[in-house]
């Protein structure tokens, strides 16, 4: 299956094909070593979610 998405501005490519599972598995991956910011949007407004995100980003 080939899934095609729109191209990226400035790249000269009009379409990009998403990688298949094996291509993703074969990629070199590096561990995430920084603190994550997790925003659970269930039960809160977009404004509350944004405030939580901004606090998380500000803390480092």
N, C-alpha and C. Protein backbone atom coordinates (compact mmCIF):
# COMPACT_ATOMS: atom_id res chain seq x y z
N UNK A 1 0.84 -1.17 0.00
CA UNK A 1 0.00 0.00 0.00
C UNK A 1 0.89 1.24 0.00
N UNK A 2 0.58 2.18 -0.82
CA UNK A 2 1.31 3.44 -0.89
C UNK A 2 0.38 4.55 -0.42
N UNK A 3 0.81 5.25 0.60
CA UNK A 3 0.05 6.38 1.11
C UNK A 3 0.84 7.63 0.75
N UNK A 4 0.19 8.56 0.09
CA UNK A 4 0.87 9.76 -0.37
C UNK A 4 0.28 10.96 0.34
N UNK A 5 1.17 11.82 0.82
CA UNK A 5 0.73 13.06 1.46
C UNK A 5 1.27 14.23 0.67
N UNK A 6 0.77 15.42 0.94
CA UNK A 6 1.22 16.62 0.23
C UNK A 6 2.70 16.87 0.42
N UNK A 7 3.30 17.56 -0.52
CA UNK A 7 4.72 17.86 -0.49
C UNK A 7 5.06 18.93 0.53
N UNK A 8 6.36 19.14 0.72
CA UNK A 8 6.84 20.16 1.63
C UNK A 8 7.25 21.40 0.85
N UNK A 9 6.82 22.57 1.29
CA UNK A 9 7.19 23.80 0.59
C UNK A 9 8.71 23.96 0.54
N UNK A 10 9.20 24.41 -0.59
CA UNK A 10 10.62 24.66 -0.74
C UNK A 10 11.47 23.45 -1.07
N UNK A 11 10.88 22.26 -1.14
CA UNK A 11 11.67 21.06 -1.43
C UNK A 11 11.64 20.70 -2.90
N UNK A 12 10.70 21.25 -3.65
CA UNK A 12 10.55 20.90 -5.04
C UNK A 12 9.78 19.60 -5.25
N UNK A 13 9.40 18.94 -4.16
CA UNK A 13 8.64 17.69 -4.25
C UNK A 13 7.17 18.01 -4.06
N UNK A 14 6.35 17.46 -4.93
CA UNK A 14 4.91 17.73 -4.82
C UNK A 14 4.20 16.70 -3.95
N UNK A 15 4.80 15.53 -3.78
CA UNK A 15 4.20 14.51 -2.92
C UNK A 15 5.30 13.78 -2.15
N UNK A 16 4.96 13.26 -1.02
CA UNK A 16 5.87 12.45 -0.21
C UNK A 16 5.18 11.13 0.10
N UNK A 17 5.88 10.03 -0.03
CA UNK A 17 5.31 8.73 0.31
C UNK A 17 5.69 8.39 1.75
N UNK A 18 4.73 7.96 2.53
CA UNK A 18 5.01 7.54 3.90
C UNK A 18 5.80 6.24 3.90
N UNK A 19 6.74 6.08 4.84
CA UNK A 19 7.51 4.84 4.89
C UNK A 19 6.64 3.67 5.34
N UNK A 20 7.04 2.46 4.93
CA UNK A 20 6.33 1.29 5.43
C UNK A 20 6.91 0.88 6.78
N UNK A 21 6.31 -0.08 7.42
CA UNK A 21 6.73 -0.48 8.76
C UNK A 21 8.19 -0.91 8.79
N UNK A 22 8.62 -1.69 7.83
CA UNK A 22 9.99 -2.18 7.83
C UNK A 22 10.99 -1.04 7.68
N UNK A 23 10.67 -0.05 6.87
CA UNK A 23 11.56 1.10 6.73
C UNK A 23 11.69 1.86 8.05
N UNK A 24 10.62 1.94 8.79
CA UNK A 24 10.66 2.61 10.09
C UNK A 24 11.49 1.78 11.08
N UNK A 25 11.27 0.48 11.10
CA UNK A 25 12.00 -0.41 12.01
C UNK A 25 13.50 -0.37 11.71
N UNK A 26 13.86 -0.29 10.44
CA UNK A 26 15.26 -0.32 10.03
C UNK A 26 16.00 1.00 10.27
N UNK A 27 15.29 2.05 10.56
CA UNK A 27 15.93 3.35 10.80
C UNK A 27 16.75 3.31 12.09
N UNK A 28 17.79 4.13 12.13
CA UNK A 28 18.56 4.29 13.35
C UNK A 28 17.76 5.18 14.30
N UNK A 29 17.56 4.72 15.51
CA UNK A 29 16.80 5.47 16.50
C UNK A 29 17.70 5.84 17.67
N UNK A 30 17.49 7.01 18.21
CA UNK A 30 18.24 7.46 19.38
C UNK A 30 17.27 7.63 20.54
N UNK A 31 17.71 7.31 21.76
CA UNK A 31 16.81 7.44 22.90
C UNK A 31 16.46 8.91 23.17
N UNK A 32 15.26 9.13 23.68
CA UNK A 32 14.82 10.47 24.05
C UNK A 32 15.33 10.72 25.45
N UNK A 33 16.23 11.68 25.60
CA UNK A 33 16.89 11.90 26.89
C UNK A 33 16.44 13.15 27.61
N UNK A 34 15.53 13.90 27.01
CA UNK A 34 15.04 15.11 27.65
C UNK A 34 13.70 14.83 28.32
N UNK A 35 13.33 15.70 29.24
CA UNK A 35 12.04 15.60 29.91
C UNK A 35 10.92 15.76 28.89
N UNK A 36 9.90 14.89 28.99
CA UNK A 36 8.75 14.98 28.09
C UNK A 36 7.70 15.90 28.68
N UNK A 37 6.94 16.53 27.83
CA UNK A 37 5.77 17.31 28.24
C UNK A 37 4.56 16.55 27.74
N UNK A 38 3.73 16.07 28.66
CA UNK A 38 2.54 15.31 28.29
C UNK A 38 1.32 16.15 28.65
N UNK A 39 0.45 16.37 27.69
CA UNK A 39 -0.76 17.14 27.91
C UNK A 39 -1.95 16.23 27.63
N UNK A 40 -2.67 15.86 28.68
CA UNK A 40 -3.88 15.05 28.53
C UNK A 40 -5.04 16.02 28.36
N UNK A 41 -5.59 16.08 27.17
CA UNK A 41 -6.61 17.07 26.86
C UNK A 41 -8.02 16.66 27.27
N UNK A 42 -8.18 15.44 27.75
CA UNK A 42 -9.51 14.98 28.15
C UNK A 42 -9.98 15.77 29.37
N UNK A 43 -11.18 16.27 29.29
CA UNK A 43 -11.80 16.94 30.43
C UNK A 43 -11.30 18.35 30.69
N UNK A 44 -10.61 18.95 29.74
CA UNK A 44 -10.19 20.33 29.93
C UNK A 44 -10.33 21.08 28.62
N UNK A 45 -10.39 22.38 28.73
CA UNK A 45 -10.59 23.22 27.54
C UNK A 45 -9.27 23.36 26.77
N UNK A 46 -9.36 23.78 25.51
CA UNK A 46 -8.13 24.06 24.76
C UNK A 46 -7.25 25.10 25.47
N UNK A 47 -7.85 26.08 26.08
CA UNK A 47 -7.09 27.11 26.81
C UNK A 47 -6.33 26.49 27.98
N UNK A 48 -6.98 25.59 28.72
CA UNK A 48 -6.32 24.92 29.84
C UNK A 48 -5.19 24.02 29.34
N UNK A 49 -5.42 23.33 28.23
CA UNK A 49 -4.39 22.47 27.66
C UNK A 49 -3.18 23.30 27.22
N UNK A 50 -3.43 24.43 26.59
CA UNK A 50 -2.34 25.31 26.16
C UNK A 50 -1.56 25.81 27.37
N UNK A 51 -2.25 26.21 28.42
CA UNK A 51 -1.57 26.70 29.62
C UNK A 51 -0.68 25.60 30.21
N UNK A 52 -1.17 24.36 30.25
CA UNK A 52 -0.37 23.24 30.75
C UNK A 52 0.86 23.01 29.87
N UNK A 53 0.67 23.08 28.57
CA UNK A 53 1.78 22.90 27.64
C UNK A 53 2.84 24.00 27.84
N UNK A 54 2.40 25.23 27.92
CA UNK A 54 3.34 26.34 28.09
C UNK A 54 4.10 26.24 29.41
N UNK A 55 3.42 25.82 30.48
CA UNK A 55 4.12 25.62 31.77
C UNK A 55 5.17 24.54 31.66
N UNK A 56 4.81 23.45 30.97
CA UNK A 56 5.75 22.35 30.79
C UNK A 56 6.96 22.75 29.98
N UNK A 57 6.75 23.53 28.93
CA UNK A 57 7.87 23.99 28.10
C UNK A 57 8.76 24.97 28.86
N UNK A 58 8.14 25.81 29.68
CA UNK A 58 8.92 26.81 30.44
C UNK A 58 9.78 26.17 31.52
N UNK A 59 9.33 25.01 32.03
CA UNK A 59 10.07 24.37 33.12
C UNK A 59 11.27 23.58 32.61
N UNK A 60 11.39 23.48 31.33
CA UNK A 60 12.57 22.97 30.83
C UNK A 60 12.91 21.82 30.13
